[in-house]
């Protein structure tokens, strides 16, 4: 019985890993299209901001 449970858990784990790596859809990957870039702006309390003001 323990071997059966271990086998079933292993199969479920493998199927979950395969499903998560399937990648169906438009998001992510190098499928071409538009690239989005995030920009981080410093706040006025950061050291770099205070150094640049002087």
PDB file of N, CA and C in Angstrom:
ATOM      1  N   UNK A   1       0.820  -1.192   0.000  1.00  0.00           N
ATOM      2  CA  UNK A   1       0.000   0.000   0.000  1.00  0.00           C
ATOM      3  C   UNK A   1       0.868   1.262   0.000  1.00  0.00           C
ATOM      4  N   UNK A   2       1.975   1.255   0.767  1.00  0.00           N
ATOM      5  CA  UNK A   2       2.862   2.411   0.813  1.00  0.00           C
ATOM      6  C   UNK A   2       3.527   2.641  -0.541  1.00  0.00           C
ATOM      7  N   UNK A   3       3.871   1.560  -1.239  1.00  0.00           N
ATOM      8  CA  UNK A   3       4.483   1.696  -2.556  1.00  0.00           C
ATOM      9  C   UNK A   3       3.495   2.311  -3.546  1.00  0.00           C
ATOM     10  N   UNK A   4       2.236   1.939  -3.427  1.00  0.00           N
ATOM     11  CA  UNK A   4       1.194   2.466  -4.314  1.00  0.00           C
ATOM     12  C   UNK A   4       1.017   3.974  -4.089  1.00  0.00           C
ATOM     13  N   UNK A   5       1.002   4.385  -2.845  1.00  0.00           N
ATOM     14  CA  UNK A   5       0.852   5.812  -2.527  1.00  0.00           C
ATOM     15  C   UNK A   5       2.071   6.588  -3.011  1.00  0.00           C
ATOM     16  N   UNK A   6       3.262   6.034  -2.808  1.00  0.00           N
ATOM     17  CA  UNK A   6       4.481   6.693  -3.265  1.00  0.00           C
ATOM     18  C   UNK A   6       4.493   6.804  -4.790  1.00  0.00           C
ATOM     19  N   UNK A   7       4.051   5.763  -5.476  1.00  0.00           N
ATOM     20  CA  UNK A   7       3.987   5.787  -6.933  1.00  0.00           C
ATOM     21  C   UNK A   7       2.994   6.841  -7.425  1.00  0.00           C
ATOM     22  N   UNK A   8       1.842   6.912  -6.806  1.00  0.00           N
ATOM     23  CA  UNK A   8       0.820   7.892  -7.207  1.00  0.00           C
ATOM     24  C   UNK A   8       1.304   9.315  -6.960  1.00  0.00           C
ATOM     25  N   UNK A   9       1.948   9.554  -5.817  1.00  0.00           N
ATOM     26  CA  UNK A   9       2.483  10.885  -5.532  1.00  0.00           C
ATOM     27  C   UNK A   9       3.575  11.265  -6.525  1.00  0.00           C
ATOM     28  N   UNK A  10       4.399  10.302  -6.901  1.00  0.00           N
ATOM     29  CA  UNK A  10       5.450  10.564  -7.883  1.00  0.00           C
ATOM     30  C   UNK A  10       4.857  10.919  -9.239  1.00  0.00           C
ATOM     31  N   UNK A  11       3.826  10.200  -9.646  1.00  0.00           N
ATOM     32  CA  UNK A  11       3.169  10.476 -10.924  1.00  0.00           C
ATOM     33  C   UNK A  11       2.523  11.857 -10.903  1.00  0.00           C
ATOM     34  N   UNK A  12       1.853  12.188  -9.812  1.00  0.00           N
ATOM     35  CA  UNK A  12       1.221  13.505  -9.700  1.00  0.00           C
ATOM     36  C   UNK A  12       2.273  14.608  -9.749  1.00  0.00           C
ATOM     37  N   UNK A  13       3.388  14.408  -9.065  1.00  0.00           N
ATOM     38  CA  UNK A  13       4.466  15.386  -9.071  1.00  0.00           C
ATOM     39  C   UNK A  13       5.031  15.569 -10.478  1.00  0.00           C
ATOM     40  N   UNK A  14       5.252  14.493 -11.181  1.00  0.00           N
ATOM     41  CA  UNK A  14       5.792  14.572 -12.538  1.00  0.00           C
ATOM     42  C   UNK A  14       4.812  15.268 -13.487  1.00  0.00           C
ATOM     43  N   UNK A  15       3.543  14.956 -13.369  1.00  0.00           N
ATOM     44  CA  UNK A  15       2.543  15.604 -14.219  1.00  0.00           C
ATOM     45  C   UNK A  15       2.435  17.092 -13.915  1.00  0.00           C
ATOM     46  N   UNK A  16       2.542  17.459 -12.650  1.00  0.00           N
ATOM     47  CA  UNK A  16       2.507  18.870 -12.277  1.00  0.00           C
ATOM     48  C   UNK A  16       3.700  19.613 -12.857  1.00  0.00           C
ATOM     49  N   UNK A  17       4.875  18.999 -12.797  1.00  0.00           N
ATOM     50  CA  UNK A  17       6.066  19.631 -13.356  1.00  0.00           C
ATOM     51  C   UNK A  17       5.954  19.785 -14.866  1.00  0.00           C
ATOM     52  N   UNK A  18       5.440  18.784 -15.537  1.00  0.00           N
ATOM     53  CA  UNK A  18       5.274  18.874 -16.991  1.00  0.00           C
ATOM     54  C   UNK A  18       4.242  19.925 -17.370  1.00  0.00           C
ATOM     55  N   UNK A  19       3.169  20.022 -16.604  1.00  0.00           N
ATOM     56  CA  UNK A  19       2.131  21.004 -16.904  1.00  0.00           C
ATOM     57  C   UNK A  19       2.639  22.419 -16.680  1.00  0.00           C
ATOM     58  N   UNK A  20       3.454  22.612 -15.655  1.00  0.00           N
ATOM     59  CA  UNK A  20       3.955  23.958 -15.386  1.00  0.00           C
ATOM     60  C   UNK A  20       4.997  24.388 -16.409  1.00  0.00           C
ATOM     61  N   UNK A  21       5.670  23.465 -17.033  1.00  0.00           N
ATOM     62  CA  UNK A  21       6.669  23.791 -18.051  1.00  0.00           C
ATOM     63  C   UNK A  21       6.068  23.825 -19.454  1.00  0.00           C
ATOM     64  N   UNK A  22       4.793  23.542 -19.576  1.00  0.00           N
ATOM     65  CA  UNK A  22       4.146  23.495 -20.881  1.00  0.00           C
ATOM     66  C   UNK A  22       4.152  24.820 -21.601  1.00  0.00           C
ATOM     67  N   UNK A  23       3.896  25.901 -20.891  1.00  0.00           N
ATOM     68  CA  UNK A  23       3.980  27.246 -21.464  1.00  0.00           C
ATOM     69  C   UNK A  23       2.971  27.533 -22.552  1.00  0.00           C
ATOM     70  N   UNK A  24       1.733  27.221 -22.386  1.00  0.00           N
ATOM     71  CA  UNK A  24       0.717  27.595 -23.351  1.00  0.00           C
ATOM     72  C   UNK A  24       0.255  29.018 -23.100  1.00  0.00           C
ATOM     73  N   UNK A  25       0.386  29.878 -24.099  1.00  0.00           N
ATOM     74  CA  UNK A  25      -0.057  31.254 -23.924  1.00  0.00           C
ATOM     75  C   UNK A  25       0.937  32.247 -24.494  1.00  0.00           C
ATOM     76  N   UNK A  26       0.599  33.532 -24.368  1.00  0.00           N
ATOM     77  CA  UNK A  26       1.407  34.597 -24.948  1.00  0.00           C
ATOM     78  C   UNK A  26       2.467  35.132 -24.004  1.00  0.00           C
ATOM     79  N   UNK A  27       2.291  34.958 -22.716  1.00  0.00           N
ATOM     80  CA  UNK A  27       3.171  35.608 -21.762  1.00  0.00           C
ATOM     81  C   UNK A  27       4.508  34.894 -21.652  1.00  0.00           C
ATOM     82  N   UNK A  28       5.563  35.696 -21.497  1.00  0.00           N
ATOM     83  CA  UNK A  28       6.895  35.157 -21.248  1.00  0.00           C
ATOM     84  C   UNK A  28       7.514  34.483 -22.452  1.00  0.00           C
ATOM     85  N   UNK A  29       8.758  34.104 -22.289  1.00  0.00           N
ATOM     86  CA  UNK A  29       9.456  33.380 -23.340  1.00  0.00           C
ATOM     87  C   UNK A  29       9.965  34.277 -24.437  1.00  0.00           C
ATOM     88  N   UNK A  30      10.609  33.683 -25.413  1.00  0.00           N
ATOM     89  CA  UNK A  30      11.153  34.443 -26.533  1.00  0.00           C
ATOM     90  C   UNK A  30      10.340  34.160 -27.790  1.00  0.00           C
ATOM     91  N   UNK A  31       9.046  34.399 -27.711  1.00  0.00           N
ATOM     92  CA  UNK A  31       8.166  34.129 -28.840  1.00  0.00           C
ATOM     93  C   UNK A  31       8.014  35.341 -29.743  1.00  0.00           C
ATOM     94  N   UNK A  32       8.840  36.358 -29.536  1.00  0.00           N
ATOM     95  CA  UNK A  32       8.752  37.555 -30.350  1.00  0.00           C
ATOM     96  C   UNK A  32       7.677  38.478 -29.822  1.00  0.00           C
ATOM     97  N   UNK A  33       7.521  39.616 -30.482  1.00  0.00           N
ATOM     98  CA  UNK A  33       6.506  40.558 -30.055  1.00  0.00           C
ATOM     99  C   UNK A  33       7.113  41.706 -29.276  1.00  0.00           C
ATOM    100  N   UNK A  34       6.269  42.374 -28.526  1.00  0.00           N
ATOM    101  CA  UNK A  34       6.657  43.570 -27.797  1.00  0.00           C
ATOM    102  C   UNK A  34       7.352  43.215 -26.479  1.00  0.00           C
ATOM    103  N   UNK A  35       8.411  43.944 -26.170  1.00  0.00           N
ATOM    104  CA  UNK A  35       9.159  43.722 -24.932  1.00  0.00           C
ATOM    105  C   UNK A  35       8.823  44.839 -23.961  1.00  0.00           C
ATOM    106  N   UNK A  36       8.508  44.484 -22.713  1.00  0.00           N
ATOM    107  CA  UNK A  36       8.201  45.480 -21.697  1.00  0.00           C
ATOM    108  C   UNK A  36       9.377  45.581 -20.734  1.00  0.00           C
ATOM    109  N   UNK A  37       9.761  46.811 -20.416  1.00  0.00           N
ATOM    110  CA  UNK A  37      10.880  47.061 -19.524  1.00  0.00           C
ATOM    111  C   UNK A  37      10.383  47.888 -18.350  1.00  0.00           C
ATOM    112  N   UNK A  38      10.711  47.463 -17.128  1.00  0.00           N
ATOM    113  CA  UNK A  38      10.324  48.212 -15.943  1.00  0.00           C
ATOM    114  C   UNK A  38      11.401  49.218 -15.560  1.00  0.00           C
ATOM    115  N   UNK A  39      10.982  50.373 -15.049  1.00  0.00           N
ATOM    116  CA  UNK A  39      11.907  51.421 -14.640  1.00  0.00           C
ATOM    117  C   UNK A  39      11.697  51.689 -13.157  1.00  0.00           C
ATOM    118  N   UNK A  40      12.786  51.733 -12.405  1.00  0.00           N
ATOM    119  CA  UNK A  40      12.717  52.018 -10.976  1.00  0.00           C
ATOM    120  C   UNK A  40      13.302  53.397 -10.744  1.00  0.00           C
ATOM    121  N   UNK A  41      12.515  54.283 -10.168  1.00  0.00           N
ATOM    122  CA  UNK A  41      12.976  55.632  -9.876  1.00  0.00           C
ATOM    123  C   UNK A  41      13.338  55.728  -8.397  1.00  0.00           C
ATOM    124  N   UNK A  42      14.413  56.458  -8.084  1.00  0.00           N
ATOM    125  CA  UNK A  42      14.800  56.593  -6.675  1.00  0.00           C
ATOM    126  C   UNK A  42      13.853  57.529  -5.929  1.00  0.00           C
ATOM    127  N   UNK A  43      13.710  57.268  -4.640  1.00  0.00           N
ATOM    128  CA  UNK A  43      12.925  58.189  -3.821  1.00  0.00           C
ATOM    129  C   UNK A  43      13.848  59.272  -3.276  1.00  0.00           C
ATOM    130  N   UNK A  44      13.291  60.335  -2.747  1.00  0.00           N
ATOM    131  CA  UNK A  44      14.106  61.456  -2.258  1.00  0.00           C
ATOM    132  C   UNK A  44      14.878  61.118  -0.984  1.00  0.00           C
ATOM    133  N   UNK A  45      14.592  60.015  -0.358  1.00  0.00           N
ATOM    134  CA  UNK A  45      15.297  59.658   0.875  1.00  0.00           C
ATOM    135  C   UNK A  45      16.480  58.734   0.617  1.00  0.00           C
ATOM    136  N   UNK A  46      16.689  58.288  -0.599  1.00  0.00           N
ATOM    137  CA  UNK A  46      17.808  57.391  -0.888  1.00  0.00           C
ATOM    138  C   UNK A  46      19.122  58.155  -0.920  1.00  0.00           C
ATOM    139  N   UNK A  47      20.190  57.458  -0.582  1.00  0.00           N
ATOM    140  CA  UNK A  47      21.523  58.074  -0.500  1.00  0.00           C
ATOM    141  C   UNK A  47      21.931  58.648  -1.851  1.00  0.00           C
ATOM    142  N   UNK A  48      21.685  57.929  -2.911  1.00  0.00           N
ATOM    143  CA  UNK A  48      22.098  58.398  -4.248  1.00  0.00           C
ATOM    144  C   UNK A  48      21.403  59.711  -4.602  1.00  0.00           C
ATOM    145  N   UNK A  49      20.138  59.840  -4.276  1.00  0.00           N
ATOM    146  CA  UNK A  49      19.384  61.065  -4.564  1.00  0.00           C
ATOM    147  C   UNK A  49      20.001  62.236  -3.785  1.00  0.00           C
ATOM    148  N   UNK A  50      20.302  62.006  -2.506  1.00  0.00           N
ATOM    149  CA  UNK A  50      20.881  63.065  -1.671  1.00  0.00           C
ATOM    150  C   UNK A  50      22.250  63.470  -2.170  1.00  0.00           C
ATOM    151  N   UNK A  51      23.053  62.542  -2.680  1.00  0.00           N
ATOM    152  CA  UNK A  51      24.370  62.862  -3.217  1.00  0.00           C
ATOM    153  C   UNK A  51      24.266  63.689  -4.492  1.00  0.00           C
ATOM    154  N   UNK A  52      23.292  63.398  -5.335  1.00  0.00           N
ATOM    155  CA  UNK A  52      23.139  64.110  -6.596  1.00  0.00           C
ATOM    156  C   UNK A  52      22.624  65.527  -6.407  1.00  0.00           C
ATOM    157  N   UNK A  53      21.921  65.800  -5.305  1.00  0.00           N
ATOM    158  CA  UNK A  53      21.382  67.139  -5.077  1.00  0.00           C
ATOM    159  C   UNK A  53      22.466  68.137  -4.725  1.00  0.00           C
ATOM    160  N   UNK A  54      23.569  67.679  -4.167  1.00  0.00           N
ATOM    161  CA  UNK A  54      24.621  68.581  -3.700  1.00  0.00           C
ATOM    162  C   UNK A  54      25.381  69.176  -4.831  1.00  0.00           C
TER     163      UNK A  54
END
